[in-house]
Amino acid sequence: MKKASSFAALSGLVYSTDSGRHCPECEQPEAECICAEQPLNSGDGIARVRRESKGRGGKTVTTIQGLCLTASELKDLTAALKKRCGCGGSLKDGVIEIQGDQVELLLAELRKRGFTAKQAGG
């Protein structure tokens, strides 16, 4: 196969952006996407707070999962919890990760915000 030396030689190659970006989940244009309005996970509504260190190089993180919230609501809740704990964290695949052992503080904060929360794991 001969290598093309110019763009003119690539006459069969077509690239079009006329429809803009599409959501990978629902194949709709991003402006019409309904995925962000749906809960990210199919949890039962009970916030399960757990301390984990496996696979993290010995570092401890507190995870919260099981909340039936949309992506934007989870993002806002993550920011509020990080601020309350005074530490870092992230939101990955619908699971909130807060750095350090913050189980008791997070349980109290989630209950104060009206969530049903319980400690999971040991």
PDB file of N, CA and C in Angstrom:
ATOM      1  N   MET A   1       0.845  -1.176   0.000  1.00  0.00           N
ATOM      2  CA  MET A   1       0.000   0.000   0.000  1.00  0.00           C
ATOM      3  C   MET A   1       0.893   1.243   0.000  1.00  0.00           C
ATOM      4  N   LYS A   2       0.581   2.175  -0.866  1.00  0.00           N
ATOM      5  CA  LYS A   2       1.391   3.377  -1.012  1.00  0.00           C
ATOM      6  C   LYS A   2       0.968   4.422   0.021  1.00  0.00           C
ATOM      7  N   LYS A   3       1.957   5.110   0.579  1.00  0.00           N
ATOM      8  CA  LYS A   3       1.698   6.132   1.572  1.00  0.00           C
ATOM      9  C   LYS A   3       1.303   7.434   0.871  1.00  0.00           C
ATOM     10  N   ALA A   4       0.267   8.114   1.405  1.00  0.00           N
ATOM     11  CA  ALA A   4      -0.166   9.380   0.812  1.00  0.00           C
ATOM     12  C   ALA A   4       0.774  10.493   1.245  1.00  0.00           C
ATOM     13  N   SER A   5       1.186  11.319   0.283  1.00  0.00           N
ATOM     14  CA  SER A   5       2.137  12.380   0.580  1.00  0.00           C
ATOM     15  C   SER A   5       1.471  13.741   0.749  1.00  0.00           C
ATOM     16  N   SER A   6       0.176  13.852   0.438  1.00  0.00           N
ATOM     17  CA  SER A   6      -0.508  15.126   0.601  1.00  0.00           C
ATOM     18  C   SER A   6      -1.988  14.881   0.919  1.00  0.00           C
ATOM     19  N   PHE A   7      -2.673  15.942   1.304  1.00  0.00           N
ATOM     20  CA  PHE A   7      -4.095  15.814   1.610  1.00  0.00           C
ATOM     21  C   PHE A   7      -4.918  15.526   0.361  1.00  0.00           C
ATOM     22  N   ALA A   8      -4.464  15.980  -0.768  1.00  0.00           N
ATOM     23  CA  ALA A   8      -5.179  15.734  -2.021  1.00  0.00           C
ATOM     24  C   ALA A   8      -5.211  14.240  -2.337  1.00  0.00           C
ATOM     25  N   ALA A   9      -4.201  13.518  -1.909  1.00  0.00           N
ATOM     26  CA  ALA A   9      -4.142  12.086  -2.176  1.00  0.00           C
ATOM     27  C   ALA A   9      -5.127  11.309  -1.303  1.00  0.00           C
ATOM     28  N   LEU A  10      -5.636  11.950  -0.269  1.00  0.00           N
ATOM     29  CA  LEU A  10      -6.591  11.301   0.632  1.00  0.00           C
ATOM     30  C   LEU A  10      -8.030  11.645   0.238  1.00  0.00           C
ATOM     31  N   SER A  11      -8.341  11.632  -1.009  1.00  0.00           N
ATOM     32  CA  SER A  11      -9.640  12.091  -1.506  1.00  0.00           C
ATOM     33  C   SER A  11     -10.812  11.272  -0.982  1.00  0.00           C
ATOM     34  N   GLY A  12     -10.609  10.036  -0.597  1.00  0.00           N
ATOM     35  CA  GLY A  12     -11.706   9.211  -0.109  1.00  0.00           C
ATOM     36  C   GLY A  12     -12.001   9.406   1.363  1.00  0.00           C
ATOM     37  N   LEU A  13     -11.181  10.161   2.082  1.00  0.00           N
ATOM     38  CA  LEU A  13     -11.348  10.356   3.508  1.00  0.00           C
ATOM     39  C   LEU A  13     -12.243  11.555   3.773  1.00  0.00           C
ATOM     40  N   VAL A  14     -13.313  11.350   4.535  1.00  0.00           N
ATOM     41  CA  VAL A  14     -14.255  12.434   4.820  1.00  0.00           C
ATOM     42  C   VAL A  14     -14.417  12.565   6.324  1.00  0.00           C
ATOM     43  N   TYR A  15     -14.424  13.808   6.816  1.00  0.00           N
ATOM     44  CA  TYR A  15     -14.651  14.088   8.227  1.00  0.00           C
ATOM     45  C   TYR A  15     -15.656  15.216   8.296  1.00  0.00           C
ATOM     46  N   SER A  16     -16.697  15.037   9.070  1.00  0.00           N
ATOM     47  CA  SER A  16     -17.737  16.051   9.144  1.00  0.00           C
ATOM     48  C   SER A  16     -18.099  16.328  10.597  1.00  0.00           C
ATOM     49  N   THR A  17     -18.275  17.599  10.924  1.00  0.00           N
ATOM     50  CA  THR A  17     -18.711  17.988  12.267  1.00  0.00           C
ATOM     51  C   THR A  17     -20.014  18.770  12.202  1.00  0.00           C
ATOM     52  N   ASP A  18     -20.786  18.573  11.154  1.00  0.00           N
ATOM     53  CA  ASP A  18     -21.984  19.381  10.970  1.00  0.00           C
ATOM     54  C   ASP A  18     -23.040  19.121  12.044  1.00  0.00           C
ATOM     55  N   SER A  19     -23.038  17.946  12.671  1.00  0.00           N
ATOM     56  CA  SER A  19     -24.066  17.670  13.665  1.00  0.00           C
ATOM     57  C   SER A  19     -23.593  17.922  15.089  1.00  0.00           C
ATOM     58  N   GLY A  20     -22.351  18.306  15.286  1.00  0.00           N
ATOM     59  CA  GLY A  20     -21.839  18.589  16.620  1.00  0.00           C
ATOM     60  C   GLY A  20     -21.532  17.332  17.403  1.00  0.00           C
ATOM     61  N   ARG A  21     -21.324  17.502  18.695  1.00  0.00           N
ATOM     62  CA  ARG A  21     -20.990  16.374  19.556  1.00  0.00           C
ATOM     63  C   ARG A  21     -22.241  15.618  19.958  1.00  0.00           C
ATOM     64  N   HIS A  22     -22.083  14.303  20.100  1.00  0.00           N
ATOM     65  CA  HIS A  22     -23.196  13.447  20.487  1.00  0.00           C
ATOM     66  C   HIS A  22     -22.871  12.751  21.805  1.00  0.00           C
ATOM     67  N   CYS A  23     -23.906  12.488  22.574  1.00  0.00           N
ATOM     68  CA  CYS A  23     -23.767  11.747  23.820  1.00  0.00           C
ATOM     69  C   CYS A  23     -23.497  10.280  23.478  1.00  0.00           C
ATOM     70  N   PRO A  24     -22.499   9.650  24.086  1.00  0.00           N
ATOM     71  CA  PRO A  24     -22.221   8.247  23.769  1.00  0.00           C
ATOM     72  C   PRO A  24     -23.301   7.289  24.274  1.00  0.00           C
ATOM     73  N   GLU A  25     -24.099   7.713  25.256  1.00  0.00           N
ATOM     74  CA  GLU A  25     -25.128   6.844  25.817  1.00  0.00           C
ATOM     75  C   GLU A  25     -26.402   6.825  24.974  1.00  0.00           C
ATOM     76  N   CYS A  26     -26.948   8.020  24.688  1.00  0.00           N
ATOM     77  CA  CYS A  26     -28.255   8.074  24.019  1.00  0.00           C
ATOM     78  C   CYS A  26     -28.167   8.488  22.551  1.00  0.00           C
ATOM     79  N   GLU A  27     -26.959   8.780  22.037  1.00  0.00           N
ATOM     80  CA  GLU A  27     -26.731   9.150  20.639  1.00  0.00           C
ATOM     81  C   GLU A  27     -27.448  10.443  20.234  1.00  0.00           C
ATOM     82  N   GLN A  28     -27.877  11.245  21.208  1.00  0.00           N
ATOM     83  CA  GLN A  28     -28.516  12.527  20.926  1.00  0.00           C
ATOM     84  C   GLN A  28     -27.444  13.616  20.941  1.00  0.00           C
ATOM     85  N   PRO A  29     -27.690  14.745  20.252  1.00  0.00           N
ATOM     86  CA  PRO A  29     -26.761  15.871  20.386  1.00  0.00           C
ATOM     87  C   PRO A  29     -26.675  16.285  21.857  1.00  0.00           C
ATOM     88  N   GLU A  30     -25.508  16.768  22.291  1.00  0.00           N
ATOM     89  CA  GLU A  30     -25.308  17.094  23.699  1.00  0.00           C
ATOM     90  C   GLU A  30     -26.336  18.077  24.230  1.00  0.00           C
ATOM     91  N   ALA A  31     -26.820  18.995  23.394  1.00  0.00           N
ATOM     92  CA  ALA A  31     -27.811  19.963  23.839  1.00  0.00           C
ATOM     93  C   ALA A  31     -29.152  19.305  24.168  1.00  0.00           C
ATOM     94  N   GLU A  32     -29.458  18.174  23.538  1.00  0.00           N
ATOM     95  CA  GLU A  32     -30.731  17.488  23.760  1.00  0.00           C
ATOM     96  C   GLU A  32     -30.585  16.232  24.613  1.00  0.00           C
ATOM     97  N   CYS A  33     -29.415  16.003  25.170  1.00  0.00           N
ATOM     98  CA  CYS A  33     -29.138  14.775  25.926  1.00  0.00           C
ATOM     99  C   CYS A  33     -29.997  14.711  27.177  1.00  0.00           C
ATOM    100  N   ILE A  34     -30.583  13.532  27.408  1.00  0.00           N
ATOM    101  CA  ILE A  34     -31.404  13.338  28.597  1.00  0.00           C
ATOM    102  C   ILE A  34     -30.689  12.493  29.645  1.00  0.00           C
ATOM    103  N   CYS A  35     -29.494  12.029  29.341  1.00  0.00           N
ATOM    104  CA  CYS A  35     -28.751  11.168  30.267  1.00  0.00           C
ATOM    105  C   CYS A  35     -28.388  11.895  31.553  1.00  0.00           C
ATOM    106  N   ALA A  36     -28.064  13.171  31.473  1.00  0.00           N
ATOM    107  CA  ALA A  36     -27.651  13.917  32.661  1.00  0.00           C
ATOM    108  C   ALA A  36     -28.796  14.090  33.647  1.00  0.00           C
ATOM    109  N   GLU A  37     -30.035  13.967  33.170  1.00  0.00           N
ATOM    110  CA  GLU A  37     -31.189  14.150  34.042  1.00  0.00           C
ATOM    111  C   GLU A  37     -31.566  12.862  34.756  1.00  0.00           C
ATOM    112  N   GLN A  38     -31.025  11.736  34.337  1.00  0.00           N
ATOM    113  CA  GLN A  38     -31.357  10.455  34.941  1.00  0.00           C
ATOM    114  C   GLN A  38     -30.350  10.126  36.030  1.00  0.00           C
ATOM    115  N   PRO A  39     -30.772   9.378  37.059  1.00  0.00           N
ATOM    116  CA  PRO A  39     -29.818   8.954  38.075  1.00  0.00           C
ATOM    117  C   PRO A  39     -28.688   8.146  37.455  1.00  0.00           C
ATOM    118  N   LEU A  40     -27.471   8.341  37.968  1.00  0.00           N
ATOM    119  CA  LEU A  40     -26.308   7.652  37.416  1.00  0.00           C
ATOM    120  C   LEU A  40     -26.300   6.168  37.737  1.00  0.00           C
ATOM    121  N   ASN A  41     -26.844   5.801  38.879  1.00  0.00           N
ATOM    122  CA  ASN A  41     -26.851   4.395  39.246  1.00  0.00           C
ATOM    123  C   ASN A  41     -28.250   3.989  39.689  1.00  0.00           C
ATOM    124  N   SER A  42     -28.485   2.730  39.719  1.00  0.00           N
ATOM    125  CA  SER A  42     -29.800   2.237  40.108  1.00  0.00           C
ATOM    126  C   SER A  42     -29.778   1.790  41.564  1.00  0.00           C
ATOM    127  N   GLY A  43     -29.246   2.635  42.434  1.00  0.00           N
ATOM    128  CA  GLY A  43     -29.168   2.310  43.849  1.00  0.00           C
ATOM    129  C   GLY A  43     -30.542   2.303  44.489  1.00  0.00           C
ATOM    130  N   ASP A  44     -30.588   1.835  45.720  1.00  0.00           N
ATOM    131  CA  ASP A  44     -31.857   1.741  46.427  1.00  0.00           C
ATOM    132  C   ASP A  44     -32.163   2.992  47.243  1.00  0.00           C
ATOM    133  N   GLY A  45     -31.332   4.014  47.150  1.00  0.00           N
ATOM    134  CA  GLY A  45     -31.572   5.253  47.858  1.00  0.00           C
ATOM    135  C   GLY A  45     -30.904   5.297  49.221  1.00  0.00           C
ATOM    136  N   ILE A  46     -30.288   4.209  49.647  1.00  0.00           N
ATOM    137  CA  ILE A  46     -29.583   4.183  50.922  1.00  0.00           C
ATOM    138  C   ILE A  46     -28.104   4.473  50.651  1.00  0.00           C
ATOM    139  N   ALA A  47     -27.598   5.514  51.283  1.00  0.00           N
ATOM    140  CA  ALA A  47     -26.196   5.877  51.111  1.00  0.00           C
ATOM    141  C   ALA A  47     -25.343   4.938  51.949  1.00  0.00           C
ATOM    142  N   ARG A  48     -24.522   4.158  51.298  1.00  0.00           N
ATOM    143  CA  ARG A  48     -23.624   3.233  51.996  1.00  0.00           C
ATOM    144  C   ARG A  48     -22.237   3.863  52.068  1.00  0.00           C
ATOM    145  N   VAL A  49     -21.814   4.140  53.293  1.00  0.00           N
ATOM    146  CA  VAL A  49     -20.536   4.816  53.533  1.00  0.00           C
ATOM    147  C   VAL A  49     -19.537   3.761  53.996  1.00  0.00           C
ATOM    148  N   ARG A  50     -18.410   3.691  53.326  1.00  0.00           N
ATOM    149  CA  ARG A  50     -17.437   2.630  53.594  1.00  0.00           C
ATOM    150  C   ARG A  50     -16.016   3.183  53.536  1.00  0.00           C
ATOM    151  N   ARG A  51     -15.155   2.667  54.393  1.00  0.00           N
ATOM    152  CA  ARG A  51     -13.745   3.029  54.383  1.00  0.00           C
ATOM    153  C   ARG A  51     -13.005   1.977  53.567  1.00  0.00           C
ATOM    154  N   GLU A  52     -12.183   2.413  52.611  1.00  0.00           N
ATOM    155  CA  GLU A  52     -11.442   1.497  51.744  1.00  0.00           C
ATOM    156  C   GLU A  52      -9.985   1.918  51.659  1.00  0.00           C
ATOM    157  N   SER A  53      -9.109   0.918  51.494  1.00  0.00           N
ATOM    158  CA  SER A  53      -7.705   1.232  51.234  1.00  0.00           C
ATOM    159  C   SER A  53      -7.107   0.268  50.220  1.00  0.00           C
ATOM    160  N   LYS A  54      -7.853  -0.738  49.848  1.00  0.00           N
ATOM    161  CA  LYS A  54      -7.350  -1.745  48.911  1.00  0.00           C
ATOM    162  C   LYS A  54      -7.159  -1.142  47.516  1.00  0.00           C
ATOM    163  N   GLY A  55      -6.011  -1.396  46.924  1.00  0.00           N
ATOM    164  CA  GLY A  55      -5.737  -0.931  45.571  1.00  0.00           C
ATOM    165  C   GLY A  55      -5.421   0.542  45.476  1.00  0.00           C
ATOM    166  N   ARG A  56      -5.123   1.169  46.606  1.00  0.00           N
ATOM    167  CA  ARG A  56      -4.868   2.607  46.611  1.00  0.00           C
ATOM    168  C   ARG A  56      -3.500   2.934  47.204  1.00  0.00           C
ATOM    169  N   GLY A  57      -2.615   1.969  47.190  1.00  0.00           N
ATOM    170  CA  GLY A  57      -1.266   2.194  47.700  1.00  0.00           C
ATOM    171  C   GLY A  57      -1.238   2.436  49.194  1.00  0.00           C
ATOM    172  N   GLY A  58      -2.170   1.857  49.931  1.00  0.00           N
ATOM    173  CA  GLY A  58      -2.216   2.030  51.380  1.00  0.00           C
ATOM    174  C   GLY A  58      -2.941   3.268  51.838  1.00  0.00           C
ATOM    175  N   LYS A  59      -3.338   4.132  50.931  1.00  0.00           N
ATOM    176  CA  LYS A  59      -4.063   5.356  51.285  1.00  0.00           C
ATOM    177  C   LYS A  59      -5.524   5.008  51.579  1.00  0.00           C
ATOM    178  N   THR A  60      -6.082   5.631  52.594  1.00  0.00           N
ATOM    179  CA  THR A  60      -7.469   5.373  52.976  1.00  0.00           C
ATOM    180  C   THR A  60      -8.384   6.403  52.330  1.00  0.00           C
ATOM    181  N   VAL A  61      -9.486   5.942  51.780  1.00  0.00           N
ATOM    182  CA  VAL A  61     -10.534   6.825  51.259  1.00  0.00           C
ATOM    183  C   VAL A  61     -11.868   6.334  51.806  1.00  0.00           C
ATOM    184  N   THR A  62     -12.822   7.242  51.880  1.00  0.00           N
ATOM    185  CA  THR A  62     -14.167   6.904  52.288  1.00  0.00           C
ATOM    186  C   THR A  62     -15.044   7.010  51.053  1.00  0.00           C
ATOM    187  N   THR A  63     -15.785   5.947  50.749  1.00  0.00           N
ATOM    188  CA  THR A  63     -16.635   5.949  49.559  1.00  0.00           C
ATOM    189  C   THR A  63     -18.099   5.980  49.971  1.00  0.00           C
ATOM    190  N   ILE A  64     -18.897   6.631  49.140  1.00  0.00           N
ATOM    191  CA  ILE A  64     -20.342   6.700  49.336  1.00  0.00           C
ATOM    192  C   ILE A  64     -20.985   6.246  48.041  1.00  0.00           C
ATOM    193  N   GLN A  65     -21.842   5.249  48.116  1.00  0.00           N
ATOM    194  CA  GLN A  65     -22.549   4.783  46.926  1.00  0.00           C
ATOM    195  C   GLN A  65     -23.974   4.412  47.291  1.00  0.00           C
ATOM    196  N   GLY A  66     -24.812   4.264  46.266  1.00  0.00           N
ATOM    197  CA  GLY A  66     -26.200   3.886  46.474  1.00  0.00           C
ATOM    198  C   GLY A  66     -27.162   5.051  46.408  1.00  0.00           C
ATOM    199  N   LEU A  67     -26.674   6.256  46.172  1.00  0.00           N
ATOM    200  CA  LEU A  67     -27.562   7.421  46.083  1.00  0.00           C
ATOM    201  C   LEU A  67     -28.186   7.500  44.700  1.00  0.00           C
ATOM    202  N   CYS A  68     -29.474   7.740  44.638  1.00  0.00           N
ATOM    203  CA  CYS A  68     -30.173   7.898  43.350  1.00  0.00           C
ATOM    204  C   CYS A  68     -30.272   9.380  43.031  1.00  0.00           C
ATOM    205  N   LEU A  69     -29.191   9.944  42.536  1.00  0.00           N
ATOM    206  CA  LEU A  69     -29.135  11.357  42.179  1.00  0.00           C
ATOM    207  C   LEU A  69     -28.635  11.493  40.752  1.00  0.00           C
ATOM    208  N   THR A  70     -28.960  12.620  40.130  1.00  0.00           N
ATOM    209  CA  THR A  70     -28.456  12.888  38.789  1.00  0.00           C
ATOM    210  C   THR A  70     -26.985  13.276  38.871  1.00  0.00           C
ATOM    211  N   ALA A  71     -26.342  13.352  37.723  1.00  0.00           N
ATOM    212  CA  ALA A  71     -24.915  13.668  37.675  1.00  0.00           C
ATOM    213  C   ALA A  71     -24.622  15.041  38.288  1.00  0.00           C
ATOM    214  N   SER A  72     -25.448  16.021  37.983  1.00  0.00           N
ATOM    215  CA  SER A  72     -25.198  17.366  38.516  1.00  0.00           C
ATOM    216  C   SER A  72     -25.441  17.414  40.023  1.00  0.00           C
ATOM    217  N   GLU A  73     -26.454  16.699  40.515  1.00  0.00           N
ATOM    218  CA  GLU A  73     -26.717  16.665  41.955  1.00  0.00           C
ATOM    219  C   GLU A  73     -25.581  15.964  42.698  1.00  0.00           C
ATOM    220  N   LEU A  74     -25.066  14.866  42.118  1.00  0.00           N
ATOM    221  CA  LEU A  74     -23.942  14.166  42.742  1.00  0.00           C
ATOM    222  C   LEU A  74     -22.692  15.041  42.774  1.00  0.00           C
ATOM    223  N   LYS A  75     -22.486  15.802  41.709  1.00  0.00           N
ATOM    224  CA  LYS A  75     -21.332  16.687  41.642  1.00  0.00           C
ATOM    225  C   LYS A  75     -21.420  17.759  42.726  1.00  0.00           C
ATOM    226  N   ASP A  76     -22.604  18.338  42.903  1.00  0.00           N
ATOM    227  CA  ASP A  76     -22.799  19.359  43.935  1.00  0.00           C
ATOM    228  C   ASP A  76     -22.635  18.773  45.334  1.00  0.00           C
ATOM    229  N   LEU A  77     -23.177  17.570  45.550  1.00  0.00           N
ATOM    230  CA  LEU A  77     -23.052  16.911  46.850  1.00  0.00           C
ATOM    231  C   LEU A  77     -21.591  16.583  47.150  1.00  0.00           C
ATOM    232  N   THR A  78     -20.855  16.126  46.160  1.00  0.00           N
ATOM    233  CA  THR A  78     -19.439  15.817  46.345  1.00  0.00           C
ATOM    234  C   THR A  78     -18.668  17.064  46.773  1.00  0.00           C
ATOM    235  N   ALA A  79     -18.924  18.168  46.116  1.00  0.00           N
ATOM    236  CA  ALA A  79     -18.239  19.419  46.463  1.00  0.00           C
ATOM    237  C   ALA A  79     -18.579  19.849  47.886  1.00  0.00           C
ATOM    238  N   ALA A  80     -19.847  19.722  48.281  1.00  0.00           N
ATOM    239  CA  ALA A  80     -20.257  20.118  49.623  1.00  0.00           C
ATOM    240  C   ALA A  80     -19.629  19.216  50.689  1.00  0.00           C
ATOM    241  N   LEU A  81     -19.554  17.913  50.420  1.00  0.00           N
ATOM    242  CA  LEU A  81     -18.969  16.981  51.382  1.00  0.00           C
ATOM    243  C   LEU A  81     -17.461  17.191  51.515  1.00  0.00           C
ATOM    244  N   LYS A  82     -16.789  17.468  50.395  1.00  0.00           N
ATOM    245  CA  LYS A  82     -15.356  17.744  50.453  1.00  0.00           C
ATOM    246  C   LYS A  82     -15.092  18.999  51.281  1.00  0.00           C
ATOM    247  N   LYS A  83     -15.932  19.998  51.104  1.00  0.00           N
ATOM    248  CA  LYS A  83     -15.772  21.237  51.854  1.00  0.00           C
ATOM    249  C   LYS A  83     -16.025  21.005  53.346  1.00  0.00           C
ATOM    250  N   ARG A  84     -17.042  20.209  53.652  1.00  0.00           N
ATOM    251  CA  ARG A  84     -17.375  19.907  55.050  1.00  0.00           C
ATOM    252  C   ARG A  84     -16.250  19.147  55.737  1.00  0.00           C
ATOM    253  N   CYS A  85     -15.628  18.210  55.029  1.00  0.00           N
ATOM    254  CA  CYS A  85     -14.544  17.411  55.605  1.00  0.00           C
ATOM    255  C   CYS A  85     -13.204  18.140  55.578  1.00  0.00           C
ATOM    256  N   GLY A  86     -13.096  19.140  54.726  1.00  0.00           N
ATOM    257  CA  GLY A  86     -11.834  19.872  54.614  1.00  0.00           C
ATOM    258  C   GLY A  86     -10.744  19.060  53.956  1.00  0.00           C
ATOM    259  N   CYS A  87     -11.127  18.254  52.972  1.00  0.00           N
ATOM    260  CA  CYS A  87     -10.141  17.411  52.296  1.00  0.00           C
ATOM    261  C   CYS A  87     -10.549  17.239  50.837  1.00  0.00           C
ATOM    262  N   GLY A  88      -9.729  16.528  50.094  1.00  0.00           N
ATOM    263  CA  GLY A  88      -9.989  16.301  48.680  1.00  0.00           C
ATOM    264  C   GLY A  88     -10.883  15.105  48.453  1.00  0.00           C
ATOM    265  N   GLY A  89     -11.212  14.897  47.214  1.00  0.00           N
ATOM    266  CA  GLY A  89     -12.043  13.766  46.845  1.00  0.00           C
ATOM    267  C   GLY A  89     -12.432  13.865  45.387  1.00  0.00           C
ATOM    268  N   SER A  90     -13.268  12.912  44.949  1.00  0.00           N
ATOM    269  CA  SER A  90     -13.693  12.920  43.556  1.00  0.00           C
ATOM    270  C   SER A  90     -14.994  12.154  43.410  1.00  0.00           C
ATOM    271  N   LEU A  91     -15.543  12.226  42.207  1.00  0.00           N
ATOM    272  CA  LEU A  91     -16.749  11.493  41.837  1.00  0.00           C
ATOM    273  C   LEU A  91     -16.390  10.607  40.662  1.00  0.00           C
ATOM    274  N   LYS A  92     -16.465   9.288  40.845  1.00  0.00           N
ATOM    275  CA  LYS A  92     -16.116   8.350  39.786  1.00  0.00           C
ATOM    276  C   LYS A  92     -17.221   7.324  39.623  1.00  0.00           C
ATOM    277  N   ASP A  93     -17.832   7.289  38.451  1.00  0.00           N
ATOM    278  CA  ASP A  93     -18.862   6.304  38.115  1.00  0.00           C
ATOM    279  C   ASP A  93     -19.992   6.268  39.135  1.00  0.00           C
ATOM    280  N   GLY A  94     -20.427   7.419  39.607  1.00  0.00           N
ATOM    281  CA  GLY A  94     -21.539   7.483  40.551  1.00  0.00           C
ATOM    282  C   GLY A  94     -21.158   7.192  41.984  1.00  0.00           C
ATOM    283  N   VAL A  95     -19.870   7.004  42.270  1.00  0.00           N
ATOM    284  CA  VAL A  95     -19.388   6.740  43.623  1.00  0.00           C
ATOM    285  C   VAL A  95     -18.582   7.951  44.083  1.00  0.00           C
ATOM    286  N   ILE A  96     -18.956   8.502  45.237  1.00  0.00           N
ATOM    287  CA  ILE A  96     -18.242   9.641  45.797  1.00  0.00           C
ATOM    288  C   ILE A  96     -17.067   9.109  46.609  1.00  0.00           C
ATOM    289  N   GLU A  97     -15.875   9.621  46.352  1.00  0.00           N
ATOM    290  CA  GLU A  97     -14.675   9.233  47.087  1.00  0.00           C
ATOM    291  C   GLU A  97     -14.141  10.452  47.818  1.00  0.00           C
ATOM    292  N   ILE A  98     -14.008  10.331  49.144  1.00  0.00           N
ATOM    293  CA  ILE A  98     -13.476  11.401  49.978  1.00  0.00           C
ATOM    294  C   ILE A  98     -12.190  10.891  50.612  1.00  0.00           C
ATOM    295  N   GLN A  99     -11.133  11.687  50.568  1.00  0.00           N
ATOM    296  CA  GLN A  99      -9.842  11.254  51.085  1.00  0.00           C
ATOM    297  C   GLN A  99      -9.868  11.144  52.603  1.00  0.00           C
ATOM    298  N   GLY A 100      -9.226  10.089  53.111  1.00  0.00           N
ATOM    299  CA  GLY A 100      -9.094   9.902  54.551  1.00  0.00           C
ATOM    300  C   GLY A 100     -10.236   9.097  55.147  1.00  0.00           C
ATOM    301  N   ASP A 101     -10.137   8.842  56.445  1.00  0.00           N
ATOM    302  CA  ASP A 101     -11.161   8.105  57.182  1.00  0.00           C
ATOM    303  C   ASP A 101     -12.169   9.110  57.729  1.00  0.00           C
ATOM    304  N   GLN A 102     -13.240   9.329  56.983  1.00  0.00           N
ATOM    305  CA  GLN A 102     -14.243  10.343  57.322  1.00  0.00           C
ATOM    306  C   GLN A 102     -15.630   9.730  57.529  1.00  0.00           C
ATOM    307  N   VAL A 103     -15.702   8.461  57.896  1.00  0.00           N
ATOM    308  CA  VAL A 103     -16.972   7.738  57.922  1.00  0.00           C
ATOM    309  C   VAL A 103     -17.979   8.402  58.856  1.00  0.00           C
ATOM    310  N   GLU A 104     -17.601   8.653  60.106  1.00  0.00           N
ATOM    311  CA  GLU A 104     -18.547   9.203  61.091  1.00  0.00           C
ATOM    312  C   GLU A 104     -19.036  10.595  60.686  1.00  0.00           C
ATOM    313  N   LEU A 105     -18.122  11.424  60.219  1.00  0.00           N
ATOM    314  CA  LEU A 105     -18.485  12.782  59.811  1.00  0.00           C
ATOM    315  C   LEU A 105     -19.437  12.759  58.618  1.00  0.00           C
ATOM    316  N   LEU A 106     -19.162  11.885  57.650  1.00  0.00           N
ATOM    317  CA  LEU A 106     -20.010  11.805  56.461  1.00  0.00           C
ATOM    318  C   LEU A 106     -21.383  11.219  56.786  1.00  0.00           C
ATOM    319  N   LEU A 107     -21.435  10.236  57.671  1.00  0.00           N
ATOM    320  CA  LEU A 107     -22.732   9.676  58.076  1.00  0.00           C
ATOM    321  C   LEU A 107     -23.604  10.760  58.703  1.00  0.00           C
ATOM    322  N   ALA A 108     -23.022  11.538  59.603  1.00  0.00           N
ATOM    323  CA  ALA A 108     -23.768  12.612  60.255  1.00  0.00           C
ATOM    324  C   ALA A 108     -24.223  13.669  59.245  1.00  0.00           C
ATOM    325  N   GLU A 109     -23.338  14.036  58.326  1.00  0.00           N
ATOM    326  CA  GLU A 109     -23.672  15.075  57.339  1.00  0.00           C
ATOM    327  C   GLU A 109     -24.763  14.608  56.379  1.00  0.00           C
ATOM    328  N   LEU A 110     -24.676  13.360  55.918  1.00  0.00           N
ATOM    329  CA  LEU A 110     -25.698  12.836  55.004  1.00  0.00           C
ATOM    330  C   LEU A 110     -27.050  12.743  55.688  1.00  0.00           C
ATOM    331  N   ARG A 111     -27.076  12.310  56.935  1.00  0.00           N
ATOM    332  CA  ARG A 111     -28.347  12.233  57.682  1.00  0.00           C
ATOM    333  C   ARG A 111     -28.920  13.626  57.890  1.00  0.00           C
ATOM    334  N   LYS A 112     -28.047  14.607  58.148  1.00  0.00           N
ATOM    335  CA  LYS A 112     -28.496  15.991  58.323  1.00  0.00           C
ATOM    336  C   LYS A 112     -29.130  16.532  57.039  1.00  0.00           C
ATOM    337  N   ARG A 113     -28.625  16.062  55.902  1.00  0.00           N
ATOM    338  CA  ARG A 113     -29.161  16.501  54.615  1.00  0.00           C
ATOM    339  C   ARG A 113     -30.392  15.703  54.183  1.00  0.00           C
ATOM    340  N   GLY A 114     -30.840  14.756  54.985  1.00  0.00           N
ATOM    341  CA  GLY A 114     -32.077  14.043  54.705  1.00  0.00           C
ATOM    342  C   GLY A 114     -31.917  12.710  53.994  1.00  0.00           C
ATOM    343  N   PHE A 115     -30.701  12.227  53.849  1.00  0.00           N
ATOM    344  CA  PHE A 115     -30.470  10.929  53.212  1.00  0.00           C
ATOM    345  C   PHE A 115     -30.532   9.822  54.252  1.00  0.00           C
ATOM    346  N   THR A 116     -30.939   8.655  53.835  1.00  0.00           N
ATOM    347  CA  THR A 116     -30.819   7.462  54.676  1.00  0.00           C
ATOM    348  C   THR A 116     -29.411   6.932  54.474  1.00  0.00           C
ATOM    349  N   ALA A 117     -28.618   6.964  55.543  1.00  0.00           N
ATOM    350  CA  ALA A 117     -27.205   6.593  55.425  1.00  0.00           C
ATOM    351  C   ALA A 117     -26.869   5.531  56.460  1.00  0.00           C
ATOM    352  N   LYS A 118     -26.039   4.566  56.054  1.00  0.00           N
ATOM    353  CA  LYS A 118     -25.550   3.564  56.998  1.00  0.00           C
ATOM    354  C   LYS A 118     -24.132   3.193  56.646  1.00  0.00           C
ATOM    355  N   GLN A 119     -23.427   2.698  57.658  1.00  0.00           N
ATOM    356  CA  GLN A 119     -22.051   2.287  57.466  1.00  0.00           C
ATOM    357  C   GLN A 119     -22.024   0.896  56.877  1.00  0.00           C
ATOM    358  N   ALA A 120     -21.199   0.707  55.854  1.00  0.00           N
ATOM    359  CA  ALA A 120     -21.065  -0.592  55.216  1.00  0.00           C
ATOM    360  C   ALA A 120     -19.660  -1.098  55.471  1.00  0.00           C
ATOM    361  N   GLY A 121     -19.495  -2.380  55.446  1.00  0.00           N
ATOM    362  CA  GLY A 121     -18.169  -2.957  55.666  1.00  0.00           C
ATOM    363  C   GLY A 121     -17.825  -3.007  57.138  1.00  0.00           C
ATOM    364  N   GLY A 122     -16.566  -3.284  57.434  1.00  0.00           N
ATOM    365  CA  GLY A 122     -16.120  -3.461  58.815  1.00  0.00           C
ATOM    366  C   GLY A 122     -15.800  -2.209  59.462  1.00  0.00           C
TER     367      GLY A 122
END
